[in-house]
Amino acid sequence: MSQKAILLIEDNPNDEALTLRALRKNKIGNELKVVRDGVEALEFLFCTGAYADRDFNDLPQLILLDINLPKVDGLEVLRRIRANEGTRRLPVVILTSSREDQDVINGYDLGANSYVRKPVDFDQFVEAVRQLGLYWLVLNEMPPTP
């Protein structure tokens, strides 16, 4: 994985395809790694299970996290990301279809950097992904790694 990779944590194949289309349409060429449930996300991030051979220092530049995930929900994934010294500063954008105010509150309380509701309209979704990419992959400056 490159320094500029994006980790998409998304269980819905249609939302995954829409996100991929939106990234391509916006010419966001970052490598994209997709995991499809909370357990796989944690295994990827913490180099366990199927990802035991992955280099822990090769972390994504951005995590796009759905919160309605099977096995382990996205809020628990976020909790574990923030609890680990090696991953706590990773930018995590919750990208979800949830309309629950409590999910927004919980996401921010657990340390989400941003909360974006997936627009239903594809053109609006493309624009949301464009803005996310511009900010998090171009403008945002990450703290130096220890």
Protein backbone atom coordinates (compact mmCIF):
# COMPACT_ATOMS: atom_id res chain seq x y z
CA MET A 1 0.00 0.00 0.00
CA SER A 2 1.28 3.47 -0.81
CA GLN A 3 1.63 6.40 1.57
CA LYS A 4 -1.47 7.95 0.02
CA ALA A 5 -3.84 4.97 0.22
CA ILE A 6 -7.49 5.17 1.23
CA LEU A 7 -9.09 2.44 3.33
CA LEU A 8 -12.80 2.05 2.56
CA ILE A 9 -14.67 0.09 5.22
CA GLU A 10 -17.99 -0.67 3.53
CA ASP A 11 -20.20 -3.77 3.52
CA ASN A 12 -22.70 -2.67 0.86
CA PRO A 13 -21.45 -3.65 -2.64
CA ASN A 14 -23.57 -0.92 -4.27
CA ASP A 15 -22.13 1.79 -2.00
CA GLU A 16 -18.63 0.41 -2.61
CA ALA A 17 -19.17 0.61 -6.38
CA LEU A 18 -20.59 4.15 -6.11
CA THR A 19 -17.60 5.25 -4.03
CA LEU A 20 -15.18 3.74 -6.55
CA ARG A 21 -17.02 5.45 -9.42
CA ALA A 22 -17.01 8.77 -7.57
CA LEU A 23 -13.27 8.51 -6.85
CA ARG A 24 -12.51 7.73 -10.51
CA LYS A 25 -14.82 10.46 -11.77
CA ASN A 26 -12.94 12.95 -9.59
CA LYS A 27 -9.58 11.58 -10.77
CA ILE A 28 -8.59 10.60 -7.25
CA GLY A 29 -5.95 8.05 -8.11
CA ASN A 30 -4.97 6.97 -4.61
CA GLU A 31 -4.72 3.26 -4.05
CA LEU A 32 -7.96 2.02 -2.53
CA LYS A 33 -8.14 -0.89 -0.13
CA VAL A 34 -11.64 -2.18 0.65
CA VAL A 35 -12.62 -4.24 3.67
CA ARG A 36 -16.21 -5.37 4.10
CA ASP A 37 -16.88 -5.75 7.82
CA GLY A 38 -15.64 -4.55 11.17
CA VAL A 39 -13.58 -7.66 11.93
CA GLU A 40 -11.75 -7.44 8.60
CA ALA A 41 -11.14 -3.72 9.19
CA LEU A 42 -9.56 -4.38 12.57
CA GLU A 43 -7.48 -7.27 11.21
CA PHE A 44 -6.24 -5.02 8.40
CA LEU A 45 -5.41 -2.07 10.64
CA PHE A 46 -3.76 -4.12 13.38
CA CYS A 47 -2.08 -6.71 11.13
CA THR A 48 -3.81 -9.79 12.49
CA GLY A 49 -5.67 -12.70 10.92
CA ALA A 50 -5.56 -12.60 7.12
CA TYR A 51 -3.43 -9.42 7.31
CA ALA A 52 -0.80 -10.72 9.76
CA ASP A 53 1.92 -10.22 7.11
CA ARG A 54 1.00 -6.59 6.41
CA ASP A 55 3.47 -3.93 7.60
CA PHE A 56 1.81 -2.03 10.46
CA ASN A 57 3.72 1.13 9.50
CA ASP A 58 2.10 1.12 6.06
CA LEU A 59 -1.11 2.80 7.22
CA PRO A 60 -3.72 4.47 5.01
CA GLN A 61 -3.77 8.24 4.67
CA LEU A 62 -7.54 8.27 5.07
CA ILE A 63 -10.21 5.91 6.37
CA LEU A 64 -13.76 6.12 5.00
CA LEU A 65 -15.84 4.27 7.58
CA ASP A 66 -19.42 3.09 7.34
CA ILE A 67 -20.96 2.61 10.77
CA ASN A 68 -23.56 -0.04 9.89
CA LEU A 69 -21.18 -2.97 9.51
CA PRO A 70 -21.58 -6.69 10.18
CA LYS A 71 -19.62 -8.52 12.89
CA VAL A 72 -18.23 -5.37 14.57
CA ASP A 73 -19.98 -2.05 13.98
CA GLY A 74 -18.18 1.01 12.70
CA LEU A 75 -18.35 2.88 15.99
CA GLU A 76 -16.50 0.05 17.73
CA VAL A 77 -13.93 0.04 14.91
CA LEU A 78 -13.48 3.79 15.49
CA ARG A 79 -13.17 3.24 19.26
CA ARG A 80 -10.36 0.73 18.70
CA ILE A 81 -8.59 2.94 16.16
CA ARG A 82 -8.53 5.82 18.67
CA ALA A 83 -7.44 3.55 21.54
CA ASN A 84 -4.26 2.43 19.75
CA GLU A 85 -1.16 4.64 19.83
CA GLY A 86 -0.20 3.64 16.29
CA THR A 87 -3.55 4.46 14.69
CA ARG A 88 -5.12 7.15 16.88
CA ARG A 89 -4.15 10.05 14.61
CA LEU A 90 -5.40 8.50 11.36
CA PRO A 91 -8.07 10.67 9.74
CA VAL A 92 -11.39 8.83 9.96
CA VAL A 93 -14.36 10.11 8.00
CA ILE A 94 -17.62 8.41 8.81
CA LEU A 95 -19.35 7.98 5.46
CA THR A 96 -22.76 6.51 6.13
CA SER A 97 -26.39 6.51 5.16
CA SER A 98 -27.46 6.70 8.82
CA ARG A 99 -29.77 9.60 9.56
CA GLU A 100 -29.66 9.08 13.33
CA ASP A 101 -28.54 12.13 15.30
CA GLN A 102 -27.17 9.81 18.00
CA ASP A 103 -24.81 8.24 15.42
CA VAL A 104 -23.40 11.70 14.65
CA ILE A 105 -22.94 12.42 18.36
CA ASN A 106 -21.38 9.02 19.05
CA GLY A 107 -19.08 9.32 16.02
CA TYR A 108 -17.68 12.64 17.16
CA ASP A 109 -17.49 11.53 20.80
CA LEU A 110 -15.36 8.58 19.69
CA GLY A 111 -13.00 10.80 17.69
CA ALA A 112 -14.28 10.89 14.11
CA ASN A 113 -12.66 13.69 12.14
CA SER A 114 -15.77 14.19 10.04
CA TYR A 115 -19.26 12.76 9.58
CA VAL A 116 -20.72 12.71 6.08
CA ARG A 117 -24.14 11.38 5.19
CA LYS A 118 -24.11 9.63 1.84
CA PRO A 119 -26.24 11.69 -0.53
CA VAL A 120 -28.89 9.70 -2.35
CA ASP A 121 -28.25 11.56 -5.62
CA PHE A 122 -25.17 10.27 -7.49
CA ASP A 123 -24.02 13.72 -8.64
CA GLN A 124 -24.20 14.99 -5.06
CA PHE A 125 -22.28 11.91 -3.93
CA VAL A 126 -19.59 12.56 -6.56
CA GLU A 127 -19.27 16.14 -5.32
CA ALA A 128 -19.06 15.00 -1.68
CA VAL A 129 -16.27 12.55 -2.57
CA ARG A 130 -14.47 15.29 -4.56
CA GLN A 131 -14.52 17.60 -1.56
CA LEU A 132 -13.43 14.83 0.82
CA GLY A 133 -10.53 13.96 -1.47
CA LEU A 134 -9.45 17.57 -1.90
CA TYR A 135 -9.46 18.27 1.80
CA TRP A 136 -8.16 15.02 3.31
CA LEU A 137 -5.70 14.00 0.57
CA VAL A 138 -4.41 17.40 -0.58
CA LEU A 139 -5.00 20.18 1.95
CA ASN A 140 -4.91 18.39 5.30
CA GLU A 141 -1.51 18.13 6.96
CA MET A 142 -0.92 15.11 9.13
CA PRO A 143 1.24 15.20 12.25
CA PRO A 144 4.71 13.68 11.82
CA THR A 145 4.98 10.00 12.60
CA PRO A 146 7.04 9.19 15.69
